[in-house]
Amino acid sequence: MVFLSALFTAALDDNLVFAQVIGMVSVIIAAGRPQSCVWFGGMVCGAVAVSGALGWPVYALVMMPWGIEYLTPLAYVIVSWAAVVAIATALGVKRPIADRERLLALCPIAACNACVLAVPLGNEVLAGTMGWDAALGSSLGAGLGVFLAIVLFASVYRRIDQRMVPRALRGLPIMLVSASLMALAFTGIVGIAGGLFA
């Protein structure tokens, strides 16, 4: 039950993009290239989940007992880089060379993404109070929430008719207005997901 509660709370209630406004850059990048939003969202989702799931034991079993907590951000960057490259390689199997190159070109953006680094840092803060199951649920839920945000925002932005938007609001301003409206919609479900398994 702790796993499911952490999963749904991180995916819907504490969504990194719309509730905490941490991963908005990845959403805007993916909206600019809607043809690769599912691939990029999947890569960021996997990277967030893996880096958060591996970041908790790295902190709790290595960094904290050895007294080298000051190196945790560097360790999280290394873990997230390894996760992103492994996921991009797995997604690129049996794909054309152009798709593989596009995935590998997205690796630096995904590896140093704020979402990817925010989850292990958030799990680190709660390492004393939560166990592995809650950290794993929180990491998977955060990844699913970021994937949901990237795909939903890309589909909403693709449907905006730029000709109907006033000239001053075209481009980034209408993206930010759309993102704020989606964040407002996400606040309507706050508290529902976490309360299901409490």
C-alpha atoms as a PDB file:
ATOM      1  CA  MET A   1       0.000   0.000   0.000  1.00  0.00           C
ATOM      2  CA  VAL A   2       2.892   2.382   0.690  1.00  0.00           C
ATOM      3  CA  PHE A   3       4.207   1.739  -2.826  1.00  0.00           C
ATOM      4  CA  LEU A   4       0.840   2.452  -4.506  1.00  0.00           C
ATOM      5  CA  SER A   5       0.190   5.537  -2.409  1.00  0.00           C
ATOM      6  CA  ALA A   6       3.630   6.942  -3.239  1.00  0.00           C
ATOM      7  CA  LEU A   7       3.177   6.042  -6.930  1.00  0.00           C
ATOM      8  CA  PHE A   8      -0.166   7.816  -7.410  1.00  0.00           C
ATOM      9  CA  THR A   9       0.780  10.755  -5.195  1.00  0.00           C
ATOM     10  CA  ALA A  10       3.975  11.405  -7.165  1.00  0.00           C
ATOM     11  CA  ALA A  11       2.280  10.949 -10.557  1.00  0.00           C
ATOM     12  CA  LEU A  12      -0.818  13.073 -10.011  1.00  0.00           C
ATOM     13  CA  ASP A  13      -0.796  15.062  -6.761  1.00  0.00           C
ATOM     14  CA  ASP A  14       2.871  16.098  -6.719  1.00  0.00           C
ATOM     15  CA  ASN A  15       3.435  16.117 -10.465  1.00  0.00           C
ATOM     16  CA  LEU A  16       6.934  17.469 -11.112  1.00  0.00           C
ATOM     17  CA  VAL A  17       5.848  19.510 -14.111  1.00  0.00           C
ATOM     18  CA  PHE A  18       2.475  20.971 -13.207  1.00  0.00           C
ATOM     19  CA  ALA A  19       2.403  20.937  -9.392  1.00  0.00           C
ATOM     20  CA  GLN A  20       6.054  21.660  -8.618  1.00  0.00           C
ATOM     21  CA  VAL A  21       6.971  23.386 -11.921  1.00  0.00           C
ATOM     22  CA  ILE A  22      10.354  21.639 -12.033  1.00  0.00           C
ATOM     23  CA  GLY A  23      10.388  19.984 -15.442  1.00  0.00           C
ATOM     24  CA  MET A  24       8.777  22.633 -17.597  1.00  0.00           C
ATOM     25  CA  VAL A  25      11.848  22.863 -19.854  1.00  0.00           C
ATOM     26  CA  SER A  26      11.472  19.257 -20.990  1.00  0.00           C
ATOM     27  CA  VAL A  27       7.793  19.847 -21.713  1.00  0.00           C
ATOM     28  CA  ILE A  28       8.537  22.913 -23.845  1.00  0.00           C
ATOM     29  CA  ILE A  29      11.327  21.093 -25.707  1.00  0.00           C
ATOM     30  CA  ALA A  30       9.029  18.163 -26.468  1.00  0.00           C
ATOM     31  CA  ALA A  31       6.204  20.455 -27.584  1.00  0.00           C
ATOM     32  CA  GLY A  32       8.497  21.944 -30.210  1.00  0.00           C
ATOM     33  CA  ARG A  33       9.021  18.476 -31.713  1.00  0.00           C
ATOM     34  CA  PRO A  34       5.699  16.644 -31.371  1.00  0.00           C
ATOM     35  CA  GLN A  35       6.836  13.736 -33.548  1.00  0.00           C
ATOM     36  CA  SER A  36       9.337  12.660 -30.876  1.00  0.00           C
ATOM     37  CA  CYS A  37       7.387  13.590 -27.721  1.00  0.00           C
ATOM     38  CA  VAL A  38       6.498   9.987 -26.873  1.00  0.00           C
ATOM     39  CA  TRP A  39      10.117   8.856 -27.289  1.00  0.00           C
ATOM     40  CA  PHE A  40      11.466  11.792 -25.316  1.00  0.00           C
ATOM     41  CA  GLY A  41       8.764  11.375 -22.669  1.00  0.00           C
ATOM     42  CA  GLY A  42       9.554   7.681 -22.383  1.00  0.00           C
ATOM     43  CA  MET A  43      13.243   8.391 -22.046  1.00  0.00           C
ATOM     44  CA  VAL A  44      12.691  11.048 -19.376  1.00  0.00           C
ATOM     45  CA  CYS A  45      10.157   8.782 -17.610  1.00  0.00           C
ATOM     46  CA  GLY A  46      12.624   5.911 -17.513  1.00  0.00           C
ATOM     47  CA  ALA A  47      15.482   8.156 -16.450  1.00  0.00           C
ATOM     48  CA  VAL A  48      13.443   9.697 -13.634  1.00  0.00           C
ATOM     49  CA  ALA A  49      12.282   6.284 -12.416  1.00  0.00           C
ATOM     50  CA  VAL A  50      15.701   4.617 -12.610  1.00  0.00           C
ATOM     51  CA  SER A  51      17.677   7.522 -11.179  1.00  0.00           C
ATOM     52  CA  GLY A  52      15.234   7.887  -8.304  1.00  0.00           C
ATOM     53  CA  ALA A  53      15.130   4.150  -7.626  1.00  0.00           C
ATOM     54  CA  LEU A  54      18.929   3.849  -7.729  1.00  0.00           C
ATOM     55  CA  GLY A  55      19.567   7.183  -6.035  1.00  0.00           C
ATOM     56  CA  TRP A  56      17.946   6.175  -2.748  1.00  0.00           C
ATOM     57  CA  PRO A  57      20.161   3.132  -2.092  1.00  0.00           C
ATOM     58  CA  VAL A  58      23.244   5.047  -3.269  1.00  0.00           C
ATOM     59  CA  TYR A  59      22.514   7.692  -0.656  1.00  0.00           C
ATOM     60  CA  ALA A  60      21.276   5.420   2.137  1.00  0.00           C
ATOM     61  CA  LEU A  61      23.831   2.628   1.720  1.00  0.00           C
ATOM     62  CA  VAL A  62      26.933   4.414   0.410  1.00  0.00           C
ATOM     63  CA  MET A  63      26.930   8.176   0.861  1.00  0.00           C
ATOM     64  CA  MET A  64      25.413   8.471   4.313  1.00  0.00           C
ATOM     65  CA  PRO A  65      27.393   5.671   6.057  1.00  0.00           C
ATOM     66  CA  TRP A  66      30.699   6.870   4.570  1.00  0.00           C
ATOM     67  CA  GLY A  67      29.973  10.523   5.390  1.00  0.00           C
ATOM     68  CA  ILE A  68      30.326  11.800   1.837  1.00  0.00           C
ATOM     69  CA  GLU A  69      26.891  13.356   1.405  1.00  0.00           C
ATOM     70  CA  TYR A  70      28.439  16.339  -0.375  1.00  0.00           C
ATOM     71  CA  LEU A  71      29.110  14.114  -3.419  1.00  0.00           C
ATOM     72  CA  THR A  72      25.493  13.034  -3.879  1.00  0.00           C
ATOM     73  CA  PRO A  73      24.622  15.489  -6.693  1.00  0.00           C
ATOM     74  CA  LEU A  74      27.595  14.223  -8.702  1.00  0.00           C
ATOM     75  CA  ALA A  75      26.580  10.623  -8.013  1.00  0.00           C
ATOM     76  CA  TYR A  76      23.019  11.387  -9.141  1.00  0.00           C
ATOM     77  CA  VAL A  77      24.261  12.944 -12.395  1.00  0.00           C
ATOM     78  CA  ILE A  78      26.346   9.825 -13.089  1.00  0.00           C
ATOM     79  CA  VAL A  79      23.434   7.510 -12.257  1.00  0.00           C
ATOM     80  CA  SER A  80      21.011   9.518 -14.406  1.00  0.00           C
ATOM     81  CA  TRP A  81      23.477   9.648 -17.321  1.00  0.00           C
ATOM     82  CA  ALA A  82      23.896   5.868 -17.207  1.00  0.00           C
ATOM     83  CA  ALA A  83      20.129   5.392 -17.017  1.00  0.00           C
ATOM     84  CA  VAL A  84      19.432   7.722 -19.950  1.00  0.00           C
ATOM     85  CA  VAL A  85      22.069   6.161 -22.206  1.00  0.00           C
ATOM     86  CA  ALA A  86      20.843   2.640 -21.370  1.00  0.00           C
ATOM     87  CA  ILE A  87      17.219   3.607 -22.055  1.00  0.00           C
ATOM     88  CA  ALA A  88      18.091   5.401 -25.312  1.00  0.00           C
ATOM     89  CA  THR A  89      20.086   2.383 -26.444  1.00  0.00           C
ATOM     90  CA  ALA A  90      17.212   0.045 -25.589  1.00  0.00           C
ATOM     91  CA  LEU A  91      14.695   2.269 -27.390  1.00  0.00           C
ATOM     92  CA  GLY A  92      16.956   2.484 -30.446  1.00  0.00           C
ATOM     93  CA  VAL A  93      17.246  -1.267 -30.998  1.00  0.00           C
ATOM     94  CA  LYS A  94      15.905  -2.276 -34.416  1.00  0.00           C
ATOM     95  CA  ARG A  95      15.231   1.349 -35.348  1.00  0.00           C
ATOM     96  CA  PRO A  96      16.610   3.242 -38.342  1.00  0.00           C
ATOM     97  CA  ILE A  97      19.912   5.018 -37.846  1.00  0.00           C
ATOM     98  CA  ALA A  98      18.247   8.451 -37.959  1.00  0.00           C
ATOM     99  CA  ASP A  99      15.967   7.533 -35.028  1.00  0.00           C
ATOM    100  CA  ARG A 100      18.904   6.200 -33.012  1.00  0.00           C
ATOM    101  CA  GLU A 101      20.909   9.360 -33.647  1.00  0.00           C
ATOM    102  CA  ARG A 102      17.941  11.518 -32.634  1.00  0.00           C
ATOM    103  CA  LEU A 103      17.563   9.539 -29.396  1.00  0.00           C
ATOM    104  CA  LEU A 104      21.247   9.786 -28.565  1.00  0.00           C
ATOM    105  CA  ALA A 105      21.165  13.522 -29.317  1.00  0.00           C
ATOM    106  CA  LEU A 106      18.449  13.889 -26.670  1.00  0.00           C
ATOM    107  CA  CYS A 107      20.568  12.099 -24.026  1.00  0.00           C
ATOM    108  CA  PRO A 108      22.376  15.182 -22.628  1.00  0.00           C
ATOM    109  CA  ILE A 109      19.089  17.079 -22.393  1.00  0.00           C
ATOM    110  CA  ALA A 110      17.384  14.220 -20.581  1.00  0.00           C
ATOM    111  CA  ALA A 111      20.298  13.323 -18.297  1.00  0.00           C
ATOM    112  CA  CYS A 112      20.735  16.799 -16.846  1.00  0.00           C
ATOM    113  CA  ASN A 113      17.029  17.509 -16.782  1.00  0.00           C
ATOM    114  CA  ALA A 114      15.760  19.038 -13.568  1.00  0.00           C
ATOM    115  CA  CYS A 115      13.159  16.281 -13.182  1.00  0.00           C
ATOM    116  CA  VAL A 116      15.766  13.558 -13.389  1.00  0.00           C
ATOM    117  CA  LEU A 117      17.856  15.171 -10.672  1.00  0.00           C
ATOM    118  CA  ALA A 118      14.931  16.336  -8.514  1.00  0.00           C
ATOM    119  CA  VAL A 119      13.576  12.877  -7.726  1.00  0.00           C
ATOM    120  CA  PRO A 120      16.726  11.407  -6.134  1.00  0.00           C
ATOM    121  CA  LEU A 121      17.306  14.654  -4.256  1.00  0.00           C
ATOM    122  CA  GLY A 122      13.732  14.536  -2.979  1.00  0.00           C
ATOM    123  CA  ASN A 123      14.151  10.908  -1.984  1.00  0.00           C
ATOM    124  CA  GLU A 124      17.394  11.847  -0.225  1.00  0.00           C
ATOM    125  CA  VAL A 125      15.604  14.397   1.927  1.00  0.00           C
ATOM    126  CA  LEU A 126      13.121  11.729   3.026  1.00  0.00           C
ATOM    127  CA  ALA A 127      15.662   8.867   3.291  1.00  0.00           C
ATOM    128  CA  GLY A 128      15.382   8.760   7.063  1.00  0.00           C
ATOM    129  CA  THR A 129      11.589   8.450   7.077  1.00  0.00           C
ATOM    130  CA  MET A 130      10.742   6.347   4.033  1.00  0.00           C
ATOM    131  CA  GLY A 131      11.808   2.906   2.974  1.00  0.00           C
ATOM    132  CA  TRP A 132      12.811   1.413  -0.358  1.00  0.00           C
ATOM    133  CA  ASP A 133       9.208   0.671  -1.353  1.00  0.00           C
ATOM    134  CA  ALA A 134       8.107   4.285  -0.892  1.00  0.00           C
ATOM    135  CA  ALA A 135      11.206   5.562  -2.735  1.00  0.00           C
ATOM    136  CA  LEU A 136      10.564   3.157  -5.608  1.00  0.00           C
ATOM    137  CA  GLY A 137       6.867   4.132  -5.806  1.00  0.00           C
ATOM    138  CA  SER A 138       7.739   7.813  -5.667  1.00  0.00           C
ATOM    139  CA  SER A 139      10.350   7.429  -8.414  1.00  0.00           C
ATOM    140  CA  LEU A 140       8.100   5.430 -10.744  1.00  0.00           C
ATOM    141  CA  GLY A 141       5.190   7.765 -10.103  1.00  0.00           C
ATOM    142  CA  ALA A 142       7.279  10.847 -10.789  1.00  0.00           C
ATOM    143  CA  GLY A 143       8.460   9.303 -14.062  1.00  0.00           C
ATOM    144  CA  LEU A 144       4.914   8.462 -15.107  1.00  0.00           C
ATOM    145  CA  GLY A 145       3.774  11.955 -14.158  1.00  0.00           C
ATOM    146  CA  VAL A 146       6.478  13.565 -16.288  1.00  0.00           C
ATOM    147  CA  PHE A 147       5.622  11.281 -19.220  1.00  0.00           C
ATOM    148  CA  LEU A 148       1.949  12.151 -18.855  1.00  0.00           C
ATOM    149  CA  ALA A 149       2.747  15.873 -18.750  1.00  0.00           C
ATOM    150  CA  ILE A 150       5.021  15.754 -21.817  1.00  0.00           C
ATOM    151  CA  VAL A 151       2.582  13.796 -23.968  1.00  0.00           C
ATOM    152  CA  LEU A 152      -0.510  15.756 -22.868  1.00  0.00           C
ATOM    153  CA  PHE A 153       1.146  19.131 -23.331  1.00  0.00           C
ATOM    154  CA  ALA A 154       2.521  18.207 -26.759  1.00  0.00           C
ATOM    155  CA  SER A 155      -0.927  17.107 -27.912  1.00  0.00           C
ATOM    156  CA  VAL A 156      -2.570  20.270 -26.554  1.00  0.00           C
ATOM    157  CA  TYR A 157       0.068  22.528 -28.110  1.00  0.00           C
ATOM    158  CA  ARG A 158      -0.228  20.741 -31.457  1.00  0.00           C
ATOM    159  CA  ARG A 159      -3.958  21.569 -31.550  1.00  0.00           C
ATOM    160  CA  ILE A 160      -3.473  25.299 -31.035  1.00  0.00           C
ATOM    161  CA  ASP A 161      -4.119  27.143 -34.263  1.00  0.00           C
ATOM    162  CA  GLN A 162      -1.321  29.725 -34.347  1.00  0.00           C
ATOM    163  CA  ARG A 163      -3.261  31.866 -36.819  1.00  0.00           C
ATOM    164  CA  MET A 164      -5.978  32.444 -34.207  1.00  0.00           C
ATOM    165  CA  VAL A 165      -3.496  33.498 -31.516  1.00  0.00           C
ATOM    166  CA  PRO A 166      -2.723  37.241 -31.287  1.00  0.00           C
ATOM    167  CA  ARG A 167       0.704  38.098 -32.657  1.00  0.00           C
ATOM    168  CA  ALA A 168       2.083  39.096 -29.233  1.00  0.00           C
ATOM    169  CA  LEU A 169       1.182  35.696 -27.760  1.00  0.00           C
ATOM    170  CA  ARG A 170       2.527  33.435 -30.511  1.00  0.00           C
ATOM    171  CA  GLY A 171       5.272  30.953 -29.673  1.00  0.00           C
ATOM    172  CA  LEU A 172       6.545  30.755 -26.104  1.00  0.00           C
ATOM    173  CA  PRO A 173       3.883  33.001 -24.493  1.00  0.00           C
ATOM    174  CA  ILE A 174       1.000  30.787 -25.664  1.00  0.00           C
ATOM    175  CA  MET A 175       2.987  27.740 -24.509  1.00  0.00           C
ATOM    176  CA  LEU A 176       3.247  29.206 -21.031  1.00  0.00           C
ATOM    177  CA  VAL A 177      -0.443  30.161 -20.974  1.00  0.00           C
ATOM    178  CA  SER A 178      -1.361  26.613 -22.041  1.00  0.00           C
ATOM    179  CA  ALA A 179       0.955  25.131 -19.415  1.00  0.00           C
ATOM    180  CA  SER A 180      -0.601  27.280 -16.707  1.00  0.00           C
ATOM    181  CA  LEU A 181      -4.099  26.173 -17.717  1.00  0.00           C
ATOM    182  CA  MET A 182      -2.997  22.530 -17.628  1.00  0.00           C
ATOM    183  CA  ALA A 183      -1.423  23.099 -14.198  1.00  0.00           C
ATOM    184  CA  LEU A 184      -4.730  24.549 -13.044  1.00  0.00           C
ATOM    185  CA  ALA A 185      -6.491  21.439 -14.324  1.00  0.00           C
ATOM    186  CA  PHE A 186      -4.039  19.210 -12.449  1.00  0.00           C
ATOM    187  CA  THR A 187      -4.723  21.053  -9.191  1.00  0.00           C
ATOM    188  CA  GLY A 188      -8.325  19.904  -9.481  1.00  0.00           C
ATOM    189  CA  ILE A 189      -7.274  16.334  -8.703  1.00  0.00           C
ATOM    190  CA  VAL A 190      -4.851  17.130  -5.873  1.00  0.00           C
ATOM    191  CA  GLY A 191      -5.506  14.931  -2.877  1.00  0.00           C
ATOM    192  CA  ILE A 192      -7.573  12.339  -4.727  1.00  0.00           C
ATOM    193  CA  ALA A 193      -4.743  10.045  -5.792  1.00  0.00           C
ATOM    194  CA  GLY A 194      -2.859   9.996  -2.494  1.00  0.00           C
ATOM    195  CA  GLY A 195      -6.015   9.395  -0.498  1.00  0.00           C
ATOM    196  CA  LEU A 196      -6.957   6.257  -2.434  1.00  0.00           C
ATOM    197  CA  PHE A 197      -4.483   4.027  -0.609  1.00  0.00           C
ATOM    198  CA  ALA A 198      -4.096   5.796   2.726  1.00  0.00           C
END
